[in-house]
Amino acid sequence: MERSATTMLRIGAWYVDPTSGVISRDGETTRLEARSMRLLLHLAEHAGEVVSIDELLEQIWQGVIVTPDSVYQAIASLRRLLGDDSRQPAYIATVPRLGYKLVAKVDRCADPVIPPRTRAAFISIAAIALLAGLFIVFAFHGNIATPEKSIAVLPFLDLTTEMNEGPFADGMTEELIDRLSKIPGARVPSPTSSFYFRGKRIPAVDIARTLGVSYLLDGSVRKSGVMLRVSARLIRADSGYVVWSGAYDRPFGDILKIQDDIASQVTSALRKSPLAR
């Protein structure tokens, strides 16, 4: 099934909006991480077909060195978000030793009828993103010279006990890259460049020199029950000094709010830096 990256889809009972990264059904709205959305769309593009693990690694984790475990975890996470059961799948079926198959019906829908509660949730998400974006643009536009508007987001670490939140940590990294790259005039290396440094013990100044940036943002993810802690820090690359750090304890469903908070705090820290004046 061919589709555009902006085509609204209905997959089973879920409406899927690739542009906003949101899925909704019966008044329930969920925002998918960037990689989870790509995974869902790729399966939808091949609905009814078996998609191998190798193909998913090539298409969804392109340029990132990961193991098949990343696919298993991402599928499990996507199933949870869809409310699916691997034993009696209504959405994603496991085909032993071969891969996965989307078994739900997939339809294009140019303008789906969205329940009022879902529509309100869309509006709220858009408003939060817009306000955060305006704050970031204002802060950068007036206070930071062009050479200083360069920042690399390094892969966030999964520090959960079971080490099973890797897809979420990767998604957090990619979403922050996407958010910061939308700042006019900002230079933000791509996810492929950032993920190259995963697990490598390289001094911050050397990473920054390689990527051509003035700042590095890194962090970690911990999850306990329904609560999530995301820690982040902003490092001035030429000195290695931490110019800002923050920790956020929120319910797991507040992913978008956490990303907005981090992006805003990073912008504020850059604006206040003596080197940015």
C-alpha atoms as a PDB file:
ATOM      1  CA  MET A   1       0.000   0.000   0.000  1.00  0.00           C
ATOM      2  CA  GLU A   2       1.657   3.243  -1.157  1.00  0.00           C
ATOM      3  CA  ARG A   3       1.189   6.234   1.071  1.00  0.00           C
ATOM      4  CA  SER A   4       2.490   9.742   1.611  1.00  0.00           C
ATOM      5  CA  ALA A   5       4.237  10.763   4.796  1.00  0.00           C
ATOM      6  CA  THR A   6       1.394  13.246   5.330  1.00  0.00           C
ATOM      7  CA  THR A   7      -1.529  10.948   4.467  1.00  0.00           C
ATOM      8  CA  MET A   8      -4.006  10.391   7.277  1.00  0.00           C
ATOM      9  CA  LEU A   9      -4.632   6.694   7.787  1.00  0.00           C
ATOM     10  CA  ARG A  10      -7.090   4.586   9.667  1.00  0.00           C
ATOM     11  CA  ILE A  11      -5.476   1.427  11.000  1.00  0.00           C
ATOM     12  CA  GLY A  12      -8.049  -0.759  12.679  1.00  0.00           C
ATOM     13  CA  ALA A  13      -9.834   1.501  15.146  1.00  0.00           C
ATOM     14  CA  TRP A  14      -7.013   4.055  15.226  1.00  0.00           C
ATOM     15  CA  TYR A  15      -6.750   7.269  13.200  1.00  0.00           C
ATOM     16  CA  VAL A  16      -3.084   7.944  12.399  1.00  0.00           C
ATOM     17  CA  ASP A  17      -1.725  11.407  11.627  1.00  0.00           C
ATOM     18  CA  PRO A  18       1.929  11.073  10.527  1.00  0.00           C
ATOM     19  CA  THR A  19       2.415  14.850  10.388  1.00  0.00           C
ATOM     20  CA  SER A  20       1.661  15.446  14.072  1.00  0.00           C
ATOM     21  CA  GLY A  21       2.797  12.002  15.238  1.00  0.00           C
ATOM     22  CA  VAL A  22      -0.573  11.397  16.907  1.00  0.00           C
ATOM     23  CA  ILE A  23      -2.922   8.416  16.869  1.00  0.00           C
ATOM     24  CA  SER A  24      -6.473   8.576  18.214  1.00  0.00           C
ATOM     25  CA  ARG A  25      -9.588   6.496  18.764  1.00  0.00           C
ATOM     26  CA  ASP A  26     -12.819   6.940  20.725  1.00  0.00           C
ATOM     27  CA  GLY A  27     -11.639  10.104  22.462  1.00  0.00           C
ATOM     28  CA  GLU A  28      -8.246   8.599  23.341  1.00  0.00           C
ATOM     29  CA  THR A  29      -5.173  10.322  21.940  1.00  0.00           C
ATOM     30  CA  THR A  30      -1.582   9.095  22.020  1.00  0.00           C
ATOM     31  CA  ARG A  31       1.550  10.690  20.628  1.00  0.00           C
ATOM     32  CA  LEU A  32       4.054   8.253  19.131  1.00  0.00           C
ATOM     33  CA  GLU A  33       7.802   8.711  19.196  1.00  0.00           C
ATOM     34  CA  ALA A  34       9.296   9.397  15.780  1.00  0.00           C
ATOM     35  CA  ARG A  35      10.696   5.893  15.370  1.00  0.00           C
ATOM     36  CA  SER A  36       7.479   4.215  16.560  1.00  0.00           C
ATOM     37  CA  MET A  37       5.523   6.208  13.976  1.00  0.00           C
ATOM     38  CA  ARG A  38       7.946   5.218  11.223  1.00  0.00           C
ATOM     39  CA  LEU A  39       7.647   1.597  12.303  1.00  0.00           C
ATOM     40  CA  LEU A  40       3.842   1.721  12.245  1.00  0.00           C
ATOM     41  CA  LEU A  41       3.776   3.436   8.846  1.00  0.00           C
ATOM     42  CA  HIS A  42       6.209   0.932   7.347  1.00  0.00           C
ATOM     43  CA  LEU A  43       4.094  -1.979   8.546  1.00  0.00           C
ATOM     44  CA  ALA A  44       0.974  -0.219   7.221  1.00  0.00           C
ATOM     45  CA  GLU A  45       2.651   0.295   3.856  1.00  0.00           C
ATOM     46  CA  HIS A  46       3.078  -3.480   3.697  1.00  0.00           C
ATOM     47  CA  ALA A  47      -0.197  -4.402   5.402  1.00  0.00           C
ATOM     48  CA  GLY A  48      -0.933  -8.122   5.141  1.00  0.00           C
ATOM     49  CA  GLU A  49       2.685  -8.878   4.195  1.00  0.00           C
ATOM     50  CA  VAL A  50       5.423 -10.333   6.357  1.00  0.00           C
ATOM     51  CA  VAL A  51       8.124  -7.729   7.003  1.00  0.00           C
ATOM     52  CA  SER A  52      11.433  -9.233   8.073  1.00  0.00           C
ATOM     53  CA  ILE A  53      13.478  -8.051  11.020  1.00  0.00           C
ATOM     54  CA  ASP A  54      16.370  -7.297   8.657  1.00  0.00           C
ATOM     55  CA  GLU A  55      14.142  -5.040   6.568  1.00  0.00           C
ATOM     56  CA  LEU A  56      12.936  -3.197   9.652  1.00  0.00           C
ATOM     57  CA  LEU A  57      16.507  -2.711  10.859  1.00  0.00           C
ATOM     58  CA  GLU A  58      17.465  -1.338   7.455  1.00  0.00           C
ATOM     59  CA  GLN A  59      14.456   0.940   7.041  1.00  0.00           C
ATOM     60  CA  ILE A  60      13.668   2.130  10.568  1.00  0.00           C
ATOM     61  CA  TRP A  61      17.157   2.125  12.106  1.00  0.00           C
ATOM     62  CA  GLN A  62      18.993   3.211   8.969  1.00  0.00           C
ATOM     63  CA  GLY A  63      22.498   4.381   9.795  1.00  0.00           C
ATOM     64  CA  VAL A  64      22.221   3.246  13.422  1.00  0.00           C
ATOM     65  CA  ILE A  65      24.004   0.110  14.611  1.00  0.00           C
ATOM     66  CA  VAL A  66      21.528  -1.874  16.727  1.00  0.00           C
ATOM     67  CA  THR A  67      20.649  -5.509  17.323  1.00  0.00           C
ATOM     68  CA  PRO A  68      17.374  -7.342  16.573  1.00  0.00           C
ATOM     69  CA  ASP A  69      16.489  -6.763  20.227  1.00  0.00           C
ATOM     70  CA  SER A  70      15.731  -3.168  19.286  1.00  0.00           C
ATOM     71  CA  VAL A  71      13.078  -4.413  16.857  1.00  0.00           C
ATOM     72  CA  TYR A  72      11.528  -6.738  19.452  1.00  0.00           C
ATOM     73  CA  GLN A  73      11.357  -3.913  21.988  1.00  0.00           C
ATOM     74  CA  ALA A  74       9.969  -1.408  19.500  1.00  0.00           C
ATOM     75  CA  ILE A  75       7.256  -3.849  18.385  1.00  0.00           C
ATOM     76  CA  ALA A  76       6.361  -4.582  22.005  1.00  0.00           C
ATOM     77  CA  SER A  77       6.146  -0.859  22.761  1.00  0.00           C
ATOM     78  CA  LEU A  78       4.001  -0.221  19.686  1.00  0.00           C
ATOM     79  CA  ARG A  79       1.675  -3.055  20.641  1.00  0.00           C
ATOM     80  CA  ARG A  80       1.211  -1.543  24.089  1.00  0.00           C
ATOM     81  CA  LEU A  81       0.338   1.819  22.590  1.00  0.00           C
ATOM     82  CA  LEU A  82      -2.169   0.241  20.210  1.00  0.00           C
ATOM     83  CA  GLY A  83      -3.697  -1.884  22.965  1.00  0.00           C
ATOM     84  CA  ASP A  84      -2.773  -5.046  21.096  1.00  0.00           C
ATOM     85  CA  ASP A  85      -2.195  -8.551  22.449  1.00  0.00           C
ATOM     86  CA  SER A  86       0.635 -10.572  20.907  1.00  0.00           C
ATOM     87  CA  ARG A  87      -1.210 -13.815  21.752  1.00  0.00           C
ATOM     88  CA  GLN A  88      -4.388 -12.719  19.949  1.00  0.00           C
ATOM     89  CA  PRO A  89      -3.182  -9.892  17.709  1.00  0.00           C
ATOM     90  CA  ALA A  90      -5.640  -7.452  16.201  1.00  0.00           C
ATOM     91  CA  TYR A  91      -2.854  -5.243  14.830  1.00  0.00           C
ATOM     92  CA  ILE A  92       0.635  -6.755  14.700  1.00  0.00           C
ATOM     93  CA  ALA A  93       1.149 -10.485  14.367  1.00  0.00           C
ATOM     94  CA  THR A  94       4.466 -12.233  14.918  1.00  0.00           C
ATOM     95  CA  VAL A  95       5.413 -14.666  12.180  1.00  0.00           C
ATOM     96  CA  PRO A  96       7.935 -16.992  13.860  1.00  0.00           C
ATOM     97  CA  ARG A  97      11.439 -16.898  12.372  1.00  0.00           C
ATOM     98  CA  LEU A  98      10.250 -14.566   9.602  1.00  0.00           C
ATOM     99  CA  GLY A  99       9.175 -11.216  11.024  1.00  0.00           C
ATOM    100  CA  TYR A 100       5.983  -9.275  11.642  1.00  0.00           C
ATOM    101  CA  LYS A 101       2.751  -8.609   9.791  1.00  0.00           C
ATOM    102  CA  LEU A 102       0.164  -5.856  10.201  1.00  0.00           C
ATOM    103  CA  VAL A 103      -3.169  -7.694  10.241  1.00  0.00           C
ATOM    104  CA  ALA A 104      -5.465  -4.716  10.889  1.00  0.00           C
ATOM    105  CA  LYS A 105      -7.341  -3.094   8.010  1.00  0.00           C
ATOM    106  CA  VAL A 106      -5.621   0.016   6.630  1.00  0.00           C
ATOM    107  CA  ASP A 107      -7.509   2.827   4.863  1.00  0.00           C
ATOM    108  CA  ARG A 108      -6.596   6.307   3.747  1.00  0.00           C
ATOM    109  CA  CYS A 109      -8.754   9.045   5.218  1.00  0.00           C
ATOM    110  CA  ALA A 110      -8.290  12.623   4.080  1.00  0.00           C
ATOM    111  CA  ASP A 111     -10.478  14.178   6.780  1.00  0.00           C
ATOM    112  CA  PRO A 112     -11.564  11.707   9.441  1.00  0.00           C
ATOM    113  CA  VAL A 113     -14.383  12.476  11.801  1.00  0.00           C
ATOM    114  CA  ILE A 114     -12.546  13.100  15.069  1.00  0.00           C
ATOM    115  CA  PRO A 115     -14.506  12.899  18.321  1.00  0.00           C
ATOM    116  CA  PRO A 116     -14.687  16.220  20.258  1.00  0.00           C
ATOM    117  CA  ARG A 117     -12.389  15.019  23.058  1.00  0.00           C
ATOM    118  CA  THR A 118      -9.817  13.856  20.528  1.00  0.00           C
ATOM    119  CA  ARG A 119     -10.080  17.114  18.591  1.00  0.00           C
ATOM    120  CA  ALA A 120      -9.517  19.062  21.805  1.00  0.00           C
ATOM    121  CA  ALA A 121      -6.436  16.960  22.533  1.00  0.00           C
ATOM    122  CA  PHE A 122      -5.065  17.723  19.064  1.00  0.00           C
ATOM    123  CA  ILE A 123      -5.620  21.436  19.678  1.00  0.00           C
ATOM    124  CA  SER A 124      -3.889  21.257  23.065  1.00  0.00           C
ATOM    125  CA  ILE A 125      -0.870  19.483  21.599  1.00  0.00           C
ATOM    126  CA  ALA A 126      -0.646  21.998  18.758  1.00  0.00           C
ATOM    127  CA  ALA A 127      -0.933  24.922  21.186  1.00  0.00           C
ATOM    128  CA  ILE A 128       1.833  23.584  23.442  1.00  0.00           C
ATOM    129  CA  ALA A 129       4.130  22.981  20.484  1.00  0.00           C
ATOM    130  CA  LEU A 130       3.396  26.444  19.068  1.00  0.00           C
ATOM    131  CA  LEU A 131       4.064  28.215  22.374  1.00  0.00           C
ATOM    132  CA  ALA A 132       7.307  26.303  22.869  1.00  0.00           C
ATOM    133  CA  GLY A 133       8.333  27.103  19.302  1.00  0.00           C
ATOM    134  CA  LEU A 134       7.616  30.823  19.728  1.00  0.00           C
ATOM    135  CA  PHE A 135       9.631  30.888  22.953  1.00  0.00           C
ATOM    136  CA  ILE A 136      12.574  29.180  21.285  1.00  0.00           C
ATOM    137  CA  VAL A 137      12.512  31.434  18.224  1.00  0.00           C
ATOM    138  CA  PHE A 138      12.327  34.578  20.382  1.00  0.00           C
ATOM    139  CA  ALA A 139      15.175  33.485  22.620  1.00  0.00           C
ATOM    140  CA  PHE A 140      17.504  32.594  19.784  1.00  0.00           C
ATOM    141  CA  HIS A 141      16.619  35.428  17.448  1.00  0.00           C
ATOM    142  CA  GLY A 142      17.560  38.216  19.776  1.00  0.00           C
ATOM    143  CA  ASN A 143      20.408  36.866  21.843  1.00  0.00           C
ATOM    144  CA  ILE A 144      22.640  34.288  20.198  1.00  0.00           C
ATOM    145  CA  ALA A 145      25.089  34.933  17.398  1.00  0.00           C
ATOM    146  CA  THR A 146      25.009  32.555  14.474  1.00  0.00           C
ATOM    147  CA  PRO A 147      28.225  30.618  15.387  1.00  0.00           C
ATOM    148  CA  GLU A 148      26.725  29.828  18.787  1.00  0.00           C
ATOM    149  CA  LYS A 149      23.503  28.406  17.327  1.00  0.00           C
ATOM    150  CA  SER A 150      24.884  24.909  16.937  1.00  0.00           C
ATOM    151  CA  ILE A 151      24.018  21.986  19.198  1.00  0.00           C
ATOM    152  CA  ALA A 152      24.233  18.211  18.917  1.00  0.00           C
ATOM    153  CA  VAL A 153      21.813  15.967  20.800  1.00  0.00           C
ATOM    154  CA  LEU A 154      23.652  12.801  21.815  1.00  0.00           C
ATOM    155  CA  PRO A 155      21.762   9.508  22.308  1.00  0.00           C
ATOM    156  CA  PHE A 156      19.857   9.490  25.589  1.00  0.00           C
ATOM    157  CA  LEU A 157      20.767   6.530  27.818  1.00  0.00           C
ATOM    158  CA  ASP A 158      18.294   3.882  28.930  1.00  0.00           C
ATOM    159  CA  LEU A 159      18.931   3.487  32.674  1.00  0.00           C
ATOM    160  CA  THR A 160      15.882   1.360  33.468  1.00  0.00           C
ATOM    161  CA  THR A 161      16.566  -1.838  35.399  1.00  0.00           C
ATOM    162  CA  GLU A 162      15.447  -4.088  32.561  1.00  0.00           C
ATOM    163  CA  MET A 163      17.091  -1.899  29.882  1.00  0.00           C
ATOM    164  CA  ASN A 164      13.861  -2.182  27.885  1.00  0.00           C
ATOM    165  CA  GLU A 165      13.189   1.491  27.204  1.00  0.00           C
ATOM    166  CA  GLY A 166      15.804   1.868  24.466  1.00  0.00           C
ATOM    167  CA  PRO A 167      13.212   2.738  21.786  1.00  0.00           C
ATOM    168  CA  PHE A 168      11.788   5.453  24.024  1.00  0.00           C
ATOM    169  CA  ALA A 169      15.244   6.885  24.761  1.00  0.00           C
ATOM    170  CA  ASP A 170      16.052   6.887  21.033  1.00  0.00           C
ATOM    171  CA  GLY A 171      12.712   8.510  20.316  1.00  0.00           C
ATOM    172  CA  MET A 172      13.386  11.229  22.893  1.00  0.00           C
ATOM    173  CA  THR A 173      16.743  11.908  21.210  1.00  0.00           C
ATOM    174  CA  GLU A 174      15.201  12.138  17.749  1.00  0.00           C
ATOM    175  CA  GLU A 175      12.310  14.340  18.878  1.00  0.00           C
ATOM    176  CA  LEU A 176      14.690  16.819  20.526  1.00  0.00           C
ATOM    177  CA  ILE A 177      16.841  16.893  17.399  1.00  0.00           C
ATOM    178  CA  ASP A 178      13.727  17.590  15.354  1.00  0.00           C
ATOM    179  CA  ARG A 179      12.522  20.289  17.781  1.00  0.00           C
ATOM    180  CA  LEU A 180      15.841  22.135  17.977  1.00  0.00           C
ATOM    181  CA  SER A 181      16.484  21.865  14.236  1.00  0.00           C
ATOM    182  CA  LYS A 182      13.346  23.924  13.577  1.00  0.00           C
ATOM    183  CA  ILE A 183      14.936  26.993  15.185  1.00  0.00           C
ATOM    184  CA  PRO A 184      15.752  29.478  12.389  1.00  0.00           C
ATOM    185  CA  GLY A 185      19.461  29.535  11.702  1.00  0.00           C
ATOM    186  CA  ALA A 186      20.253  26.710  14.114  1.00  0.00           C
ATOM    187  CA  ARG A 187      22.745  24.013  13.172  1.00  0.00           C
ATOM    188  CA  VAL A 188      21.743  20.613  14.543  1.00  0.00           C
ATOM    189  CA  PRO A 189      23.442  17.427  13.287  1.00  0.00           C
ATOM    190  CA  SER A 190      21.167  14.646  12.049  1.00  0.00           C
ATOM    191  CA  PRO A 191      20.241  11.581  14.146  1.00  0.00           C
ATOM    192  CA  THR A 192      22.614   9.467  12.061  1.00  0.00           C
ATOM    193  CA  SER A 193      25.555  11.678  13.038  1.00  0.00           C
ATOM    194  CA  SER A 194      24.556  11.774  16.704  1.00  0.00           C
ATOM    195  CA  PHE A 195      23.890   8.037  17.055  1.00  0.00           C
ATOM    196  CA  TYR A 196      27.359   7.295  15.694  1.00  0.00           C
ATOM    197  CA  PHE A 197      28.720   8.273  19.127  1.00  0.00           C
ATOM    198  CA  ARG A 198      26.475   5.878  21.079  1.00  0.00           C
ATOM    199  CA  GLY A 199      28.547   3.964  23.613  1.00  0.00           C
ATOM    200  CA  LYS A 200      31.821   5.605  22.594  1.00  0.00           C
ATOM    201  CA  ARG A 201      34.027   7.121  25.302  1.00  0.00           C
ATOM    202  CA  ILE A 202      35.065  10.267  23.482  1.00  0.00           C
ATOM    203  CA  PRO A 203      35.712  13.640  25.175  1.00  0.00           C
ATOM    204  CA  ALA A 204      33.009  16.239  24.624  1.00  0.00           C
ATOM    205  CA  VAL A 205      35.419  18.611  22.904  1.00  0.00           C
ATOM    206  CA  ASP A 206      36.338  15.940  20.335  1.00  0.00           C
ATOM    207  CA  ILE A 207      32.696  15.078  19.615  1.00  0.00           C
ATOM    208  CA  ALA A 208      31.876  18.760  19.197  1.00  0.00           C
ATOM    209  CA  ARG A 209      34.850  19.305  16.913  1.00  0.00           C
ATOM    210  CA  THR A 210      33.807  16.349  14.760  1.00  0.00           C
ATOM    211  CA  LEU A 211      30.193  17.541  14.512  1.00  0.00           C
ATOM    212  CA  GLY A 212      31.090  21.225  14.261  1.00  0.00           C
ATOM    213  CA  VAL A 213      28.919  22.389  17.181  1.00  0.00           C
ATOM    214  CA  SER A 214      29.318  24.673  20.193  1.00  0.00           C
ATOM    215  CA  TYR A 215      27.038  22.743  22.573  1.00  0.00           C
ATOM    216  CA  LEU A 216      26.172  19.140  23.367  1.00  0.00           C
ATOM    217  CA  LEU A 217      22.924  17.949  24.927  1.00  0.00           C
ATOM    218  CA  ASP A 218      22.818  14.511  26.505  1.00  0.00           C
ATOM    219  CA  GLY A 219      20.622  12.774  29.038  1.00  0.00           C
ATOM    220  CA  SER A 220      19.070   9.610  30.364  1.00  0.00           C
ATOM    221  CA  VAL A 221      15.702   7.928  30.813  1.00  0.00           C
ATOM    222  CA  ARG A 222      14.480   5.986  33.862  1.00  0.00           C
ATOM    223  CA  LYS A 223      11.035   4.426  34.204  1.00  0.00           C
ATOM    224  CA  SER A 224       9.417   3.096  37.356  1.00  0.00           C
ATOM    225  CA  GLY A 225       5.839   1.877  37.046  1.00  0.00           C
ATOM    226  CA  VAL A 226       3.862   4.618  35.305  1.00  0.00           C
ATOM    227  CA  MET A 227       6.380   7.326  36.233  1.00  0.00           C
ATOM    228  CA  LEU A 228       9.197   8.505  34.033  1.00  0.00           C
ATOM    229  CA  ARG A 229      12.328  10.463  34.929  1.00  0.00           C
ATOM    230  CA  VAL A 230      14.180  12.196  32.134  1.00  0.00           C
ATOM    231  CA  SER A 231      17.474  13.890  33.017  1.00  0.00           C
ATOM    232  CA  ALA A 232      19.285  16.178  30.611  1.00  0.00           C
ATOM    233  CA  ARG A 233      22.315  18.439  30.624  1.00  0.00           C
ATOM    234  CA  LEU A 234      23.737  21.042  28.286  1.00  0.00           C
ATOM    235  CA  ILE A 235      27.526  21.080  27.899  1.00  0.00           C
ATOM    236  CA  ARG A 236      29.627  23.912  26.556  1.00  0.00           C
ATOM    237  CA  ALA A 237      31.842  21.937  24.185  1.00  0.00           C
ATOM    238  CA  ASP A 238      35.031  24.012  24.211  1.00  0.00           C
ATOM    239  CA  SER A 239      35.335  23.838  28.006  1.00  0.00           C
ATOM    240  CA  GLY A 240      33.396  20.692  28.884  1.00  0.00           C
ATOM    241  CA  TYR A 241      31.480  22.636  31.543  1.00  0.00           C
ATOM    242  CA  VAL A 242      27.815  21.888  32.205  1.00  0.00           C
ATOM    243  CA  VAL A 243      25.885  25.146  31.661  1.00  0.00           C
ATOM    244  CA  TRP A 244      22.469  23.702  32.477  1.00  0.00           C
ATOM    245  CA  SER A 245      20.975  20.479  33.805  1.00  0.00           C
ATOM    246  CA  GLY A 246      17.460  19.404  34.667  1.00  0.00           C
ATOM    247  CA  ALA A 247      15.435  16.387  35.751  1.00  0.00           C
ATOM    248  CA  TYR A 248      11.765  15.788  35.001  1.00  0.00           C
ATOM    249  CA  ASP A 249       9.532  13.363  36.889  1.00  0.00           C
ATOM    250  CA  ARG A 250       6.270  12.921  35.007  1.00  0.00           C
ATOM    251  CA  PRO A 251       3.674  10.294  34.163  1.00  0.00           C
ATOM    252  CA  PHE A 252       4.733   8.263  31.136  1.00  0.00           C
ATOM    253  CA  GLY A 253       2.009   9.911  29.040  1.00  0.00           C
ATOM    254  CA  ASP A 254       3.541  13.401  29.414  1.00  0.00           C
ATOM    255  CA  ILE A 255       6.246  12.795  26.802  1.00  0.00           C
ATOM    256  CA  LEU A 256       5.401  15.873  24.735  1.00  0.00           C
ATOM    257  CA  LYS A 257       5.452  18.140  27.792  1.00  0.00           C
ATOM    258  CA  ILE A 258       8.861  16.810  28.839  1.00  0.00           C
ATOM    259  CA  GLN A 259      10.262  17.484  25.366  1.00  0.00           C
ATOM    260  CA  ASP A 260       8.836  21.009  25.388  1.00  0.00           C
ATOM    261  CA  ASP A 261      10.315  21.696  28.820  1.00  0.00           C
ATOM    262  CA  ILE A 262      13.771  20.461  27.831  1.00  0.00           C
ATOM    263  CA  ALA A 263      13.776  22.438  24.576  1.00  0.00           C
ATOM    264  CA  SER A 264      12.697  25.617  26.384  1.00  0.00           C
ATOM    265  CA  GLN A 265      15.233  25.201  29.198  1.00  0.00           C
ATOM    266  CA  VAL A 266      18.039  24.529  26.726  1.00  0.00           C
ATOM    267  CA  THR A 267      17.132  27.673  24.806  1.00  0.00           C
ATOM    268  CA  SER A 268      17.071  29.726  28.000  1.00  0.00           C
ATOM    269  CA  ALA A 269      20.466  28.349  29.059  1.00  0.00           C
ATOM    270  CA  LEU A 270      21.966  29.222  25.685  1.00  0.00           C
ATOM    271  CA  ARG A 271      20.531  32.703  25.868  1.00  0.00           C
ATOM    272  CA  LYS A 272      22.024  33.319  29.338  1.00  0.00           C
ATOM    273  CA  SER A 273      25.456  31.965  28.464  1.00  0.00           C
ATOM    274  CA  PRO A 274      28.130  34.708  28.576  1.00  0.00           C
ATOM    275  CA  LEU A 275      29.596  33.237  25.412  1.00  0.00           C
ATOM    276  CA  ALA A 276      26.301  33.814  23.595  1.00  0.00           C
ATOM    277  CA  ARG A 277      26.331  37.574  24.071  1.00  0.00           C
END
